[in-house]
Amino acid sequence: MENFITTSGVLAVFLLMTAESALIPIPSEVIMPFAGALAGLGKMNLVEAILAGTLGNVLGSYIAWVIGRTGGRAIVLRLGRYIRIKEDDLHKSELWFAKRGEAAVLIGRVLPVVRTFISLPAGVAEMKPVRFGVFTFLGALPWCAALAVVGYTLGANWSHVASYVKYAGYLIAVVIVIVVARFFLNRFRPAGNRVG
């Protein structure tokens, strides 16, 4: 990946960040700091790298949004019966997303792990495409800029950023797993024994 970015520059940053936001697990925590480090060495323009990463995030997020919008609801309803998710549950989540979707997309863009998948529920909830794009851009820009600037500042030591952000991502993933596990435990327990 580093070789691709070195040889193809901002185009590689754009393509890799598009893939990352289109549900392909390519870590932005590696892409953007490395691009920033290259900018620090004069091999790439820092502002162009940040914009390429941000626009790649927006494009990839629209791909995931379309997947959620066109097939997500049907898949959730089809598979939901196996994990006790009913159409009413899906409807409630869609109403929640209609009220708080902008904040979820905005905040989700700066959370490792979450940022890759937040576009799917936005698509399932039929979040308006223009609003989705605006909030995706507003959330992706500071994420890309922060990682690139840190890489620019650290230069050859840019890889330290990836490891710290990776550990933060693991922590967030653990919290998500706990929340999801608690949700499903409550689903399968009798009403009187549910966790509060």
Protein backbone atom coordinates (compact mmCIF):
# COMPACT_ATOMS: atom_id res chain seq x y z
CA MET A 1 0.00 0.00 0.00
CA GLU A 2 2.81 2.43 0.87
CA ASN A 3 4.41 1.70 -2.51
CA PHE A 4 1.12 2.45 -4.29
CA ILE A 5 0.82 5.80 -2.47
CA THR A 6 4.48 6.64 -3.15
CA THR A 7 4.20 5.95 -6.88
CA SER A 8 0.64 7.20 -7.53
CA GLY A 9 0.40 10.09 -5.07
CA VAL A 10 -2.92 11.74 -4.33
CA LEU A 11 -4.74 9.45 -6.78
CA ALA A 12 -3.74 6.48 -4.61
CA VAL A 13 -4.88 8.33 -1.48
CA PHE A 14 -8.25 9.03 -3.14
CA LEU A 15 -8.73 5.42 -4.33
CA LEU A 16 -7.66 3.82 -1.05
CA MET A 17 -9.84 6.13 1.04
CA THR A 18 -12.76 5.44 -1.33
CA ALA A 19 -12.27 1.70 -0.78
CA GLU A 20 -12.00 2.17 2.99
CA SER A 21 -15.35 3.95 3.13
CA ALA A 22 -16.94 1.45 0.74
CA LEU A 23 -16.66 -1.29 3.39
CA ILE A 24 -13.26 -2.62 2.29
CA PRO A 25 -11.06 -2.84 5.40
CA ILE A 26 -8.13 -0.65 4.35
CA PRO A 27 -7.11 1.43 7.37
CA SER A 28 -7.16 5.20 6.94
CA GLU A 29 -4.91 5.20 10.01
CA VAL A 30 -2.14 4.01 7.67
CA ILE A 31 -3.11 5.83 4.45
CA MET A 32 -3.37 9.39 5.74
CA PRO A 33 -0.35 9.51 8.09
CA PHE A 34 1.82 8.01 5.34
CA ALA A 35 0.53 10.60 2.87
CA GLY A 36 1.30 13.29 5.45
CA ALA A 37 4.81 11.91 5.93
CA LEU A 38 5.37 12.00 2.16
CA ALA A 39 4.15 15.60 2.15
CA GLY A 40 6.67 16.38 4.87
CA LEU A 41 9.39 15.02 2.60
CA GLY A 42 8.16 17.19 -0.28
CA LYS A 43 6.86 14.22 -2.29
CA MET A 44 3.18 15.17 -2.03
CA ASN A 45 1.16 18.31 -1.36
CA LEU A 46 -0.38 18.14 2.13
CA VAL A 47 -3.58 20.03 1.25
CA GLU A 48 -4.11 17.92 -1.87
CA ALA A 49 -3.60 14.72 0.17
CA ILE A 50 -6.17 15.84 2.76
CA LEU A 51 -8.71 16.77 0.08
CA ALA A 52 -8.10 13.52 -1.82
CA GLY A 53 -8.65 11.51 1.36
CA THR A 54 -11.78 13.45 2.27
CA LEU A 55 -13.31 13.22 -1.21
CA GLY A 56 -12.43 9.53 -1.35
CA ASN A 57 -14.26 9.07 1.96
CA VAL A 58 -17.31 10.85 0.56
CA LEU A 59 -17.39 8.74 -2.62
CA GLY A 60 -16.86 5.46 -0.77
CA SER A 61 -19.51 6.43 1.78
CA TYR A 62 -22.03 7.01 -1.01
CA ILE A 63 -21.27 3.51 -2.33
CA ALA A 64 -22.03 2.04 1.10
CA TRP A 65 -25.07 4.33 1.46
CA VAL A 66 -26.46 3.01 -1.86
CA ILE A 67 -25.92 -0.58 -0.67
CA GLY A 68 -27.84 0.17 2.52
CA ARG A 69 -30.52 2.12 0.65
CA THR A 70 -31.19 -0.47 -2.06
CA GLY A 71 -30.83 -3.74 -0.19
CA GLY A 72 -30.22 -3.12 3.47
CA ARG A 73 -33.80 -3.00 4.73
CA ALA A 74 -34.79 -6.20 2.94
CA ILE A 75 -31.70 -8.00 4.25
CA VAL A 76 -32.36 -6.82 7.82
CA LEU A 77 -35.97 -7.98 7.63
CA ARG A 78 -35.03 -11.32 6.05
CA LEU A 79 -32.26 -12.13 8.50
CA GLY A 80 -33.75 -10.26 11.45
CA ARG A 81 -36.15 -13.03 12.35
CA TYR A 82 -33.19 -15.22 13.34
CA ILE A 83 -31.96 -12.65 15.85
CA ARG A 84 -35.37 -11.36 16.88
CA ILE A 85 -35.27 -8.06 15.06
CA LYS A 86 -38.79 -7.23 13.99
CA GLU A 87 -40.05 -4.73 11.42
CA ASP A 88 -41.17 -2.51 14.32
CA ASP A 89 -37.57 -2.48 15.65
CA LEU A 90 -36.31 -1.47 12.23
CA HIS A 91 -38.96 1.24 12.01
CA LYS A 92 -37.91 2.64 15.41
CA SER A 93 -34.26 2.70 14.36
CA GLU A 94 -35.23 4.51 11.14
CA LEU A 95 -37.15 7.12 13.14
CA TRP A 96 -34.15 7.54 15.46
CA PHE A 97 -31.85 7.95 12.48
CA ALA A 98 -34.24 10.48 10.93
CA LYS A 99 -33.93 12.62 14.08
CA ARG A 100 -30.27 12.07 14.91
CA GLY A 101 -28.76 10.74 11.70
CA GLU A 102 -26.69 13.85 10.97
CA ALA A 103 -24.97 13.65 14.36
CA ALA A 104 -24.45 9.89 13.98
CA VAL A 105 -22.81 10.35 10.57
CA LEU A 106 -20.74 13.33 11.70
CA ILE A 107 -19.45 11.71 14.90
CA GLY A 108 -19.18 8.27 13.31
CA ARG A 109 -16.68 9.63 10.77
CA VAL A 110 -14.08 10.25 13.46
CA LEU A 111 -14.46 6.92 15.27
CA PRO A 112 -12.22 4.07 14.14
CA VAL A 113 -14.20 0.99 13.03
CA VAL A 114 -17.54 2.86 13.20
CA ARG A 115 -16.50 5.24 10.41
CA THR A 116 -16.28 2.39 7.90
CA PHE A 117 -19.83 1.16 8.51
CA ILE A 118 -21.91 4.22 9.48
CA SER A 119 -23.04 4.72 5.87
CA LEU A 120 -25.00 1.44 5.81
CA PRO A 121 -27.57 2.42 8.48
CA ALA A 122 -27.76 5.88 6.92
CA GLY A 123 -28.77 4.23 3.64
CA VAL A 124 -31.20 1.82 5.31
CA ALA A 125 -32.80 4.79 7.11
CA GLU A 126 -33.02 6.60 3.75
CA MET A 127 -31.10 9.64 4.96
CA LYS A 128 -31.34 12.34 2.30
CA PRO A 129 -28.35 12.02 -0.05
CA VAL A 130 -27.32 15.69 0.04
CA ARG A 131 -27.47 15.88 3.84
CA PHE A 132 -25.61 12.60 4.06
CA GLY A 133 -22.87 13.94 1.79
CA VAL A 134 -22.53 17.22 3.69
CA PHE A 135 -22.24 15.53 7.09
CA THR A 136 -19.92 12.88 5.70
CA PHE A 137 -17.63 15.60 4.31
CA LEU A 138 -17.74 17.58 7.57
CA GLY A 139 -16.85 14.47 9.56
CA ALA A 140 -14.22 13.08 7.17
CA LEU A 141 -12.30 16.34 6.69
CA PRO A 142 -11.02 16.72 10.29
CA TRP A 143 -10.23 12.98 10.47
CA CYS A 144 -8.16 13.03 7.28
CA ALA A 145 -6.54 16.35 8.17
CA ALA A 146 -5.58 15.27 11.69
CA LEU A 147 -4.01 12.00 10.53
CA ALA A 148 -2.18 13.68 7.65
CA VAL A 149 -0.87 16.54 9.81
CA VAL A 150 0.37 14.10 12.45
CA GLY A 151 2.12 12.08 9.72
CA TYR A 152 3.56 15.32 8.31
CA THR A 153 4.85 16.29 11.76
CA LEU A 154 6.27 12.89 12.66
CA GLY A 155 7.86 12.27 9.25
CA ALA A 156 9.64 8.92 9.26
CA ASN A 157 7.97 8.01 12.57
CA TRP A 158 4.49 8.24 11.02
CA SER A 159 3.77 4.56 11.70
CA HIS A 160 3.43 5.28 15.42
CA VAL A 161 0.14 7.05 14.65
CA ALA A 162 -1.31 3.91 13.09
CA SER A 163 -0.58 1.81 16.15
CA TYR A 164 -2.14 4.30 18.61
CA VAL A 165 -5.27 4.77 16.50
CA LYS A 166 -5.47 1.00 15.98
CA TYR A 167 -5.59 0.46 19.75
CA ALA A 168 -8.29 3.12 20.08
CA GLY A 169 -10.18 1.27 17.35
CA TYR A 170 -9.90 -1.99 19.29
CA LEU A 171 -11.31 -0.30 22.39
CA ILE A 172 -14.25 1.13 20.43
CA ALA A 173 -14.85 -2.28 18.82
CA VAL A 174 -14.98 -3.91 22.28
CA VAL A 175 -17.51 -1.33 23.48
CA ILE A 176 -19.65 -1.93 20.37
CA VAL A 177 -19.51 -5.70 20.88
CA ILE A 178 -20.60 -5.27 24.52
CA VAL A 179 -23.51 -3.01 23.55
CA VAL A 180 -24.63 -5.40 20.78
CA ALA A 181 -24.24 -8.44 23.06
CA ARG A 182 -26.32 -6.74 25.73
CA PHE A 183 -29.00 -5.93 23.16
CA PHE A 184 -29.22 -9.56 22.05
CA LEU A 185 -29.12 -10.92 25.60
CA ASN A 186 -32.13 -8.77 26.39
CA ARG A 187 -33.85 -9.99 23.22
CA PHE A 188 -33.54 -13.64 24.19
CA ARG A 189 -34.24 -13.32 27.92
CA PRO A 190 -37.72 -13.50 29.40
CA ALA A 191 -39.16 -10.02 30.04
CA GLY A 192 -38.69 -10.20 33.84
CA ASN A 193 -34.97 -11.06 33.61
CA ARG A 194 -33.80 -8.33 31.24
CA VAL A 195 -30.74 -6.23 31.98
CA GLY A 196 -31.71 -2.61 32.71
